Amino acid sequence: MDILVVDDYKMNRELLVSYLGRKGHNAIEADSGKAALSACHHSVPDLILMDIMMPGLNGYETVRAIRELEKEIRIPIIFVSAIKAEDGMTEAINAGGDDYISKPVNFDILDAKINAHGRVLEINTRLNKAIQDLRRYNNQLYEEQQIVDHIFSHALKNSCFDSRFITYKNRCCEQFDGDVIIAERSPSGGLYVMVGDFTGHGLHAAIGALPVCQTFFAMASKGLSLQAIVAEINNNLKMLFPSNMFMCASIIYMDQDAKQLQFWVGGMPAAVLHNRLTGEVRTVTSQHMPLGILKEDEFDDAVINVNLSSSEVLYLCSDGIVETRDQDNNEYGIDRLIRKITDKPSNIFETVFDDVDLFRGDIKQEDDMTMVEILCEKLPSPGS
């Protein structure tokens, strides 16, 4: 152990240095408070034995100055003084000292105190290393998150979110959203929309969204069938990710004249069609397993075709809304969501999300929440 011995009397220093050397320690001498500060600045010792009564900076002042210089690790400091312990102990501790030994020094007691503070120092050193490792890990994680955030934002930037016919709101419970909301126009003017919900949430769920977005945009921009799109997404997820990582999804296609909707719903809450004129509500429930679970020869790409009536609005949501639970473990549920929709509020998103928060009470949000509203009206031509 590197021990700094601070005392203005040479004989006192030599006595301690000699004894510490025999005990296997590396003793460094300082004959004043100023010299002690210089030594600490040059090389941080493992422990300091500090005299109190010295010309210039006394021991108390020196220790206060040392404490101001410290950064990561606090140096154990033992005051060694002829002042009686009952007289000097309080001020020594208030000055920043950790212990006190009266002169003449009892070397058995000194050994015990050095060993005790050595153990504390070892614990502090390990703790400091753990802090440094955690800091490096956090920096690395932040850099990785920035990269994924950049890739993810660019993967979604081509989505067709035209507020004239499609709007949405989502609220994630971590930095990265496990819910995916993407939309694309077909060459014939129709609209593809997908709301996906990956297992879990956060970074790994966001990573899973990247190949899904690439496949969706590439195939939708060519006007390929809904069956072909869901089958290809399923194959890619099954190939790329482990079996415990999959995506529930509601994927729809609406033709430009808004005469017909095609649905593929796997593991998601029911899609809701609300006629604002008649008040009629129709639902399309999940008919399939989530994407990424079944092999190609097991996968069912069948879609449901629904003829549209005028003034209908389509609502898609993730299970973070309907599966929210209250203090009594009751589920929010699709029926409560439908009641909010049929109330025809001026802002459906604020109404539903506020109602979910009210229902949940003090319970923390545990899943990402997404809701999409699509007006089932004739779509403007792409680019107009």
Protein backbone atom coordinates (compact mmCIF):
# COMPACT_ATOMS: atom_id res chain seq x y z
CA MET A 1 0.00 0.00 0.00
CA ASP A 2 1.28 3.51 -0.82
CA ILE A 3 1.07 5.54 2.42
CA LEU A 4 1.79 9.26 2.64
CA VAL A 5 3.28 10.26 6.02
CA VAL A 6 2.79 13.97 6.76
CA ASP A 7 4.64 15.43 9.78
CA ASP A 8 6.89 18.47 10.20
CA TYR A 9 9.16 16.56 12.63
CA LYS A 10 11.70 14.45 10.77
CA MET A 11 12.11 11.95 13.64
CA ASN A 12 8.37 11.24 13.68
CA ARG A 13 8.35 10.69 9.93
CA GLU A 14 11.41 8.41 9.99
CA LEU A 15 9.89 6.31 12.77
CA LEU A 16 6.65 5.78 10.83
CA VAL A 17 8.37 5.30 7.47
CA SER A 18 10.73 2.69 8.93
CA TYR A 19 7.91 0.78 10.58
CA LEU A 20 5.68 0.88 7.48
CA GLY A 21 8.55 -0.32 5.32
CA ARG A 22 9.02 -3.37 7.55
CA LYS A 23 5.33 -4.10 7.12
CA GLY A 24 5.68 -4.11 3.35
CA HIS A 25 4.20 -0.69 2.64
CA ASN A 26 5.65 1.97 0.39
CA ALA A 27 5.94 5.08 2.58
CA ILE A 28 6.19 8.58 1.10
CA GLU A 29 7.23 11.56 3.25
CA ALA A 30 5.88 15.12 3.33
CA ASP A 31 7.20 17.65 5.86
CA SER A 32 4.34 20.16 5.51
CA GLY A 33 0.76 20.56 4.37
CA LYS A 34 1.93 22.17 1.14
CA ALA A 35 4.27 19.25 0.43
CA ALA A 36 1.42 16.82 1.13
CA LEU A 37 -0.80 18.57 -1.45
CA SER A 38 2.01 18.46 -3.97
CA ALA A 39 2.53 14.72 -3.33
CA CYS A 40 -1.19 14.00 -3.74
CA HIS A 41 -1.26 15.97 -6.96
CA HIS A 42 1.70 14.02 -8.32
CA SER A 43 0.52 10.54 -7.28
CA VAL A 44 -2.60 9.67 -5.29
CA PRO A 45 -1.63 7.59 -2.21
CA ASP A 46 -3.72 4.70 -0.88
CA LEU A 47 -3.76 6.17 2.65
CA ILE A 48 -2.51 9.28 4.47
CA LEU A 49 -1.16 9.55 8.04
CA MET A 50 -1.65 13.25 8.85
CA ASP A 51 -0.13 15.29 11.70
CA ILE A 52 -2.22 18.21 12.95
CA MET A 53 0.11 20.81 14.44
CA MET A 54 2.32 22.00 11.56
CA PRO A 55 3.54 25.44 10.47
CA GLY A 56 1.82 26.90 7.44
CA LEU A 57 -1.14 24.69 6.58
CA ASN A 58 -2.05 22.66 9.62
CA GLY A 59 -3.44 19.14 9.34
CA TYR A 60 -7.09 20.20 9.31
CA GLU A 61 -6.54 22.75 6.54
CA THR A 62 -4.46 20.29 4.53
CA VAL A 63 -7.15 17.61 4.70
CA ARG A 64 -9.84 20.06 3.61
CA ALA A 65 -7.69 21.03 0.62
CA ILE A 66 -7.07 17.35 -0.25
CA ARG A 67 -10.82 16.64 -0.16
CA GLU A 68 -11.37 19.44 -2.68
CA LEU A 69 -8.78 17.89 -5.02
CA GLU A 70 -10.27 14.38 -4.95
CA LYS A 71 -12.23 13.09 -7.94
CA GLU A 72 -13.30 9.46 -8.17
CA ILE A 73 -11.80 7.85 -5.05
CA ARG A 74 -11.80 9.22 -1.50
CA ILE A 75 -8.37 8.75 0.12
CA PRO A 76 -8.56 7.33 3.67
CA ILE A 77 -6.90 9.81 6.07
CA ILE A 78 -5.86 8.95 9.63
CA PHE A 79 -4.88 11.87 11.85
CA VAL A 80 -1.79 11.11 14.00
CA SER A 81 -1.40 13.75 16.71
CA ALA A 82 -0.29 14.43 20.27
CA ILE A 83 -3.57 16.28 20.84
CA LYS A 84 -5.82 14.15 23.02
CA ALA A 85 -8.37 12.21 21.04
CA GLU A 86 -11.29 13.73 22.93
CA ASP A 87 -10.01 17.19 22.02
CA GLY A 88 -9.02 16.59 18.41
CA MET A 89 -11.37 13.89 17.16
CA THR A 90 -14.43 16.05 16.44
CA GLU A 91 -12.55 18.68 14.46
CA ALA A 92 -10.54 15.97 12.68
CA ILE A 93 -13.67 14.23 11.43
CA ASN A 94 -15.32 17.55 10.54
CA ALA A 95 -12.25 18.47 8.51
CA GLY A 96 -12.67 15.32 6.42
CA GLY A 97 -10.55 12.81 8.30
CA ASP A 98 -11.58 9.17 8.66
CA ASP A 99 -9.80 8.14 11.86
CA TYR A 100 -7.55 9.30 14.69
CA ILE A 101 -4.50 7.92 16.53
CA SER A 102 -2.87 9.62 19.49
CA LYS A 103 0.90 10.00 19.83
CA PRO A 104 2.94 8.18 20.90
CA VAL A 105 1.71 5.69 18.31
CA ASN A 106 0.61 2.25 19.38
CA PHE A 107 1.75 0.25 16.35
CA ASP A 108 -0.69 -2.62 16.96
CA ILE A 109 -3.55 -0.14 16.79
CA LEU A 110 -1.95 1.51 13.75
CA ASP A 111 -1.74 -1.87 11.98
CA ALA A 112 -5.39 -2.59 12.72
CA LYS A 113 -6.52 0.80 11.44
CA ILE A 114 -4.37 0.57 8.29
CA ASN A 115 -5.78 -2.90 7.55
CA ALA A 116 -9.35 -1.72 8.14
CA HIS A 117 -8.97 1.30 5.88
CA GLY A 118 -7.18 -0.89 3.35
CA ARG A 119 -10.26 -3.06 3.11
CA VAL A 120 -12.45 0.01 2.65
CA LEU A 121 -10.07 1.28 -0.02
CA GLU A 122 -10.25 -2.06 -1.83
CA ILE A 123 -14.05 -1.91 -1.79
CA ASN A 124 -14.00 1.67 -3.05
CA THR A 125 -11.55 0.76 -5.79
CA ARG A 126 -13.75 -2.10 -6.97
CA LEU A 127 -16.79 0.15 -6.80
CA ASN A 128 -15.02 2.84 -8.78
CA LYS A 129 -14.02 0.28 -11.42
CA ALA A 130 -17.63 -0.89 -11.61
CA ILE A 131 -18.75 2.72 -12.03
CA GLN A 132 -16.21 3.26 -14.82
CA ASP A 133 -17.28 0.03 -16.53
CA LEU A 134 -20.93 1.05 -16.26
CA ARG A 135 -20.11 4.47 -17.64
CA ARG A 136 -18.35 2.90 -20.63
CA TYR A 137 -21.24 0.52 -21.13
CA ASN A 138 -23.75 3.39 -21.01
CA ASN A 139 -21.70 5.37 -23.53
CA GLN A 140 -21.52 2.36 -25.82
CA LEU A 141 -25.25 1.72 -25.43
CA TYR A 142 -26.01 5.37 -26.15
CA GLU A 143 -23.95 5.24 -29.34
CA GLU A 144 -25.71 2.04 -30.42
CA GLN A 145 -29.10 3.60 -29.67
CA GLN A 146 -28.21 6.64 -31.73
CA ILE A 147 -27.29 4.42 -34.66
CA VAL A 148 -30.50 2.40 -34.40
CA ASP A 149 -32.54 5.58 -33.98
CA HIS A 150 -30.96 7.00 -37.13
CA ILE A 151 -31.61 3.83 -39.13
CA PHE A 152 -35.12 3.43 -37.77
CA SER A 153 -36.13 7.03 -38.45
CA HIS A 154 -34.87 6.74 -42.02
CA ALA A 155 -36.67 3.43 -42.47
CA LEU A 156 -39.96 5.12 -41.57
CA LYS A 157 -39.50 8.47 -43.27
CA ASN A 158 -41.14 7.30 -46.51
CA SER A 159 -44.39 6.41 -44.75
CA CYS A 160 -47.44 8.00 -46.27
CA PHE A 161 -49.02 9.75 -43.30
CA ASP A 162 -51.29 12.21 -45.08
CA SER A 163 -53.47 13.83 -42.41
CA ARG A 164 -56.27 14.18 -44.94
CA PHE A 165 -57.03 10.48 -44.56
CA ILE A 166 -54.71 8.87 -41.96
CA THR A 167 -53.60 10.00 -38.52
CA TYR A 168 -52.13 8.19 -35.54
CA LYS A 169 -50.78 8.51 -32.02
CA ASN A 170 -48.35 6.28 -30.20
CA ARG A 171 -46.69 6.37 -26.82
CA CYS A 172 -43.73 4.11 -26.12
CA CYS A 173 -42.64 3.04 -22.65
CA GLU A 174 -38.90 3.04 -23.50
CA GLN A 175 -36.63 5.05 -25.75
CA PHE A 176 -37.42 2.87 -28.75
CA ASP A 177 -40.92 1.91 -29.73
CA GLY A 178 -41.79 -1.77 -30.13
CA ASP A 179 -44.89 -0.76 -32.09
CA VAL A 180 -44.53 -0.12 -35.81
CA ILE A 181 -46.88 2.15 -37.78
CA ILE A 182 -46.14 2.41 -41.51
CA ALA A 183 -48.18 3.32 -44.57
CA GLU A 184 -47.57 3.34 -48.32
CA ARG A 185 -49.57 4.20 -51.43
CA SER A 186 -49.82 1.66 -54.22
CA PRO A 187 -49.14 2.59 -57.87
CA SER A 188 -52.91 2.35 -58.48
CA GLY A 189 -53.63 4.86 -55.70
CA GLY A 190 -54.65 2.48 -52.94
CA LEU A 191 -53.35 2.57 -49.38
CA TYR A 192 -51.43 -0.07 -47.42
CA VAL A 193 -51.21 0.37 -43.65
CA MET A 194 -49.52 -1.84 -41.08
CA VAL A 195 -49.64 -1.62 -37.29
CA GLY A 196 -47.17 -4.08 -35.82
CA ASP A 197 -46.35 -4.97 -32.23
CA PHE A 198 -43.11 -6.83 -31.53
CA THR A 199 -42.67 -9.03 -28.51
CA GLY A 200 -41.36 -6.92 -25.66
CA HIS A 201 -40.42 -3.31 -26.24
CA GLY A 202 -37.37 -1.10 -26.40
CA LEU A 203 -34.19 -1.53 -28.44
CA HIS A 204 -34.51 -5.17 -29.52
CA ALA A 205 -38.10 -4.60 -30.68
CA ALA A 206 -37.05 -1.54 -32.67
CA ILE A 207 -34.29 -3.56 -34.35
CA GLY A 208 -36.87 -6.13 -35.40
CA ALA A 209 -38.87 -3.43 -37.12
CA LEU A 210 -36.10 -2.62 -39.61
CA PRO A 211 -36.40 -5.66 -41.94
CA VAL A 212 -40.19 -5.45 -41.66
CA CYS A 213 -40.17 -1.86 -42.91
CA GLN A 214 -37.82 -2.66 -45.77
CA THR A 215 -39.98 -5.54 -46.97
CA PHE A 216 -43.23 -3.62 -46.58
CA PHE A 217 -42.11 -0.54 -48.50
CA ALA A 218 -40.39 -2.50 -51.26
CA MET A 219 -43.43 -4.69 -51.95
CA ALA A 220 -46.16 -2.09 -51.35
CA SER A 221 -44.51 0.39 -53.72
CA LYS A 222 -44.84 -2.24 -56.45
CA GLY A 223 -48.51 -2.80 -55.71
CA LEU A 224 -48.08 -6.43 -54.71
CA SER A 225 -50.91 -8.29 -53.02
CA LEU A 226 -51.51 -8.18 -49.29
CA GLN A 227 -51.05 -11.97 -49.21
CA ALA A 228 -47.61 -11.70 -50.80
CA ILE A 229 -46.53 -8.94 -48.41
CA VAL A 230 -47.54 -10.75 -45.19
CA ALA A 231 -46.00 -14.01 -46.42
CA GLU A 232 -42.67 -12.34 -47.19
CA ILE A 233 -42.57 -10.50 -43.86
CA ASN A 234 -43.32 -13.76 -42.05
CA ASN A 235 -40.53 -15.59 -43.92
CA ASN A 236 -38.00 -12.84 -43.17
CA LEU A 237 -38.81 -12.72 -39.46
CA LYS A 238 -38.75 -16.50 -39.19
CA MET A 239 -35.35 -16.59 -40.89
CA LEU A 240 -33.70 -13.69 -39.07
CA PHE A 241 -34.88 -13.84 -35.48
CA PRO A 242 -35.08 -16.35 -32.62
CA SER A 243 -38.33 -18.18 -31.95
CA ASN A 244 -39.25 -15.97 -28.99
CA MET A 245 -39.21 -12.84 -31.16
CA PHE A 246 -42.26 -12.30 -33.37
CA MET A 247 -44.63 -9.54 -34.44
CA CYS A 248 -48.36 -9.27 -34.03
CA ALA A 249 -49.77 -7.23 -36.88
CA SER A 250 -52.85 -5.67 -38.46
CA ILE A 251 -52.21 -5.04 -42.14
CA ILE A 252 -54.82 -3.56 -44.45
CA TYR A 253 -55.20 -2.48 -48.06
CA MET A 254 -57.88 0.00 -49.15
CA ASP A 255 -58.46 0.72 -52.84
CA GLN A 256 -58.37 4.36 -53.98
CA ASP A 257 -62.17 4.62 -54.26
CA ALA A 258 -62.58 3.29 -50.71
CA LYS A 259 -65.00 0.62 -51.86
CA GLN A 260 -63.24 -2.35 -50.28
CA LEU A 261 -60.85 -3.14 -47.46
CA GLN A 262 -58.61 -6.17 -47.22
CA PHE A 263 -57.50 -7.30 -43.76
CA TRP A 264 -54.81 -9.60 -42.46
CA VAL A 265 -54.88 -9.61 -38.64
CA GLY A 266 -52.55 -11.81 -36.63
CA GLY A 267 -52.50 -11.64 -32.82
CA MET A 268 -53.70 -8.02 -32.67
CA PRO A 269 -56.83 -6.47 -31.12
CA ALA A 270 -59.86 -6.35 -33.40
CA ALA A 271 -59.93 -3.67 -36.08
CA VAL A 272 -62.97 -1.40 -35.64
CA LEU A 273 -65.07 0.11 -38.43
CA HIS A 274 -67.36 2.89 -37.24
CA ASN A 275 -70.00 4.50 -39.44
CA ARG A 276 -70.26 8.06 -38.21
CA LEU A 277 -73.66 8.59 -39.82
CA THR A 278 -75.51 5.46 -38.71
CA GLY A 279 -73.46 4.63 -35.61
CA GLU A 280 -72.98 1.05 -36.87
CA VAL A 281 -69.85 -0.71 -35.62
CA ARG A 282 -68.16 -3.64 -37.32
CA THR A 283 -65.10 -5.45 -36.06
CA VAL A 284 -62.54 -7.66 -37.76
CA THR A 285 -60.92 -9.96 -35.22
CA SER A 286 -57.59 -11.71 -35.43
CA GLN A 287 -57.67 -14.82 -37.63
CA HIS A 288 -53.98 -15.67 -37.68
CA MET A 289 -50.87 -16.35 -35.63
CA PRO A 290 -48.36 -13.47 -35.29
CA LEU A 291 -45.73 -13.05 -37.99
CA GLY A 292 -42.43 -14.88 -37.53
CA ILE A 293 -43.74 -17.97 -35.75
CA LEU A 294 -44.90 -20.36 -38.49
CA LYS A 295 -42.78 -21.86 -41.25
CA GLU A 296 -43.55 -21.03 -44.86
CA ASP A 297 -45.54 -24.22 -45.46
CA GLU A 298 -47.58 -23.65 -42.27
CA PHE A 299 -48.30 -19.96 -42.76
CA ASP A 300 -51.81 -18.77 -43.70
CA ASP A 301 -51.85 -15.63 -45.86
CA ALA A 302 -55.62 -15.53 -46.35
CA VAL A 303 -57.17 -12.07 -46.15
CA ILE A 304 -60.65 -10.89 -45.20
CA ASN A 305 -62.46 -8.68 -47.73
CA VAL A 306 -64.88 -6.08 -46.37
CA ASN A 307 -67.10 -3.87 -48.51
CA LEU A 308 -67.17 -0.32 -47.23
CA SER A 309 -70.11 1.96 -46.62
CA SER A 310 -69.89 5.72 -46.89
CA SER A 311 -68.75 7.67 -43.82
CA GLU A 312 -66.95 4.74 -42.22
CA VAL A 313 -63.77 5.23 -40.25
CA LEU A 314 -61.28 2.44 -39.51
CA TYR A 315 -59.45 2.20 -36.21
CA LEU A 316 -56.43 -0.02 -35.60
CA CYS A 317 -54.64 -0.29 -32.28
CA SER A 318 -51.96 -2.29 -30.50
CA ASP A 319 -52.63 -4.39 -27.43
CA GLY A 320 -50.90 -1.83 -25.22
CA ILE A 321 -54.28 -0.06 -25.17
CA VAL A 322 -56.84 -2.85 -24.78
CA GLU A 323 -54.67 -5.00 -22.46
CA THR A 324 -53.93 -2.19 -19.99
CA ARG A 325 -55.00 -3.30 -16.51
CA ASP A 326 -56.32 -1.36 -13.55
CA GLN A 327 -55.62 -1.71 -9.83
CA ASP A 328 -57.98 -4.70 -9.64
CA ASN A 329 -56.35 -6.43 -12.64
CA ASN A 330 -59.32 -5.71 -14.91
CA GLU A 331 -58.52 -5.28 -18.61
CA TYR A 332 -59.39 -2.08 -20.49
CA GLY A 333 -60.75 -4.18 -23.34
CA ILE A 334 -62.04 -3.64 -26.86
CA ASP A 335 -65.61 -2.87 -25.70
CA ARG A 336 -64.50 0.15 -23.68
CA LEU A 337 -62.44 1.34 -26.65
CA ILE A 338 -65.48 1.01 -28.95
CA ARG A 339 -67.60 3.05 -26.53
CA LYS A 340 -65.04 5.86 -26.67
CA ILE A 341 -64.97 5.69 -30.47
CA THR A 342 -68.77 5.81 -30.83
CA ASP A 343 -68.95 8.84 -28.54
CA LYS A 344 -67.48 10.68 -31.55
CA PRO A 345 -65.07 12.89 -29.56
CA SER A 346 -63.40 15.87 -31.21
CA ASN A 347 -59.99 14.26 -30.66
CA ILE A 348 -60.18 10.48 -30.53
CA PHE A 349 -56.53 10.03 -29.56
CA GLU A 350 -56.56 12.36 -26.57
CA THR A 351 -59.87 10.88 -25.44
CA VAL A 352 -58.69 7.27 -25.62
CA PHE A 353 -55.20 7.80 -24.21
CA ASP A 354 -56.51 9.94 -21.34
CA ASP A 355 -59.15 7.32 -20.61
CA VAL A 356 -56.50 4.56 -20.57
CA ASP A 357 -54.42 6.63 -18.14
CA LEU A 358 -57.48 7.18 -15.93
CA PHE A 359 -58.28 3.46 -16.04
CA ARG A 360 -54.70 2.47 -15.18
CA GLY A 361 -54.42 4.89 -12.27
CA ASP A 362 -51.02 4.85 -10.57
CA ILE A 363 -49.83 1.71 -12.37
CA LYS A 364 -46.87 2.35 -14.66
CA GLN A 365 -47.39 1.98 -18.41
CA GLU A 366 -46.02 -1.46 -19.24
CA ASP A 367 -46.39 -1.64 -23.02
CA ASP A 368 -46.21 0.60 -26.06
CA MET A 369 -49.57 2.05 -27.11
CA THR A 370 -50.60 2.85 -30.67
CA MET A 371 -53.85 3.90 -32.33
CA VAL A 372 -54.47 4.70 -36.00
CA GLU A 373 -57.50 6.39 -37.61
CA ILE A 374 -58.14 5.95 -41.35
CA LEU A 375 -60.97 7.76 -43.15
CA CYS A 376 -62.58 5.35 -45.61
CA GLU A 377 -63.14 7.93 -48.30
CA LYS A 378 -61.93 8.27 -51.88
CA LEU A 379 -58.20 8.87 -51.70
CA PRO A 380 -56.50 11.71 -53.56
CA SER A 381 -54.19 10.64 -56.35
CA PRO A 382 -50.66 9.88 -55.16
CA GLY A 383 -48.56 13.03 -55.09
CA SER A 384 -51.52 15.39 -55.17
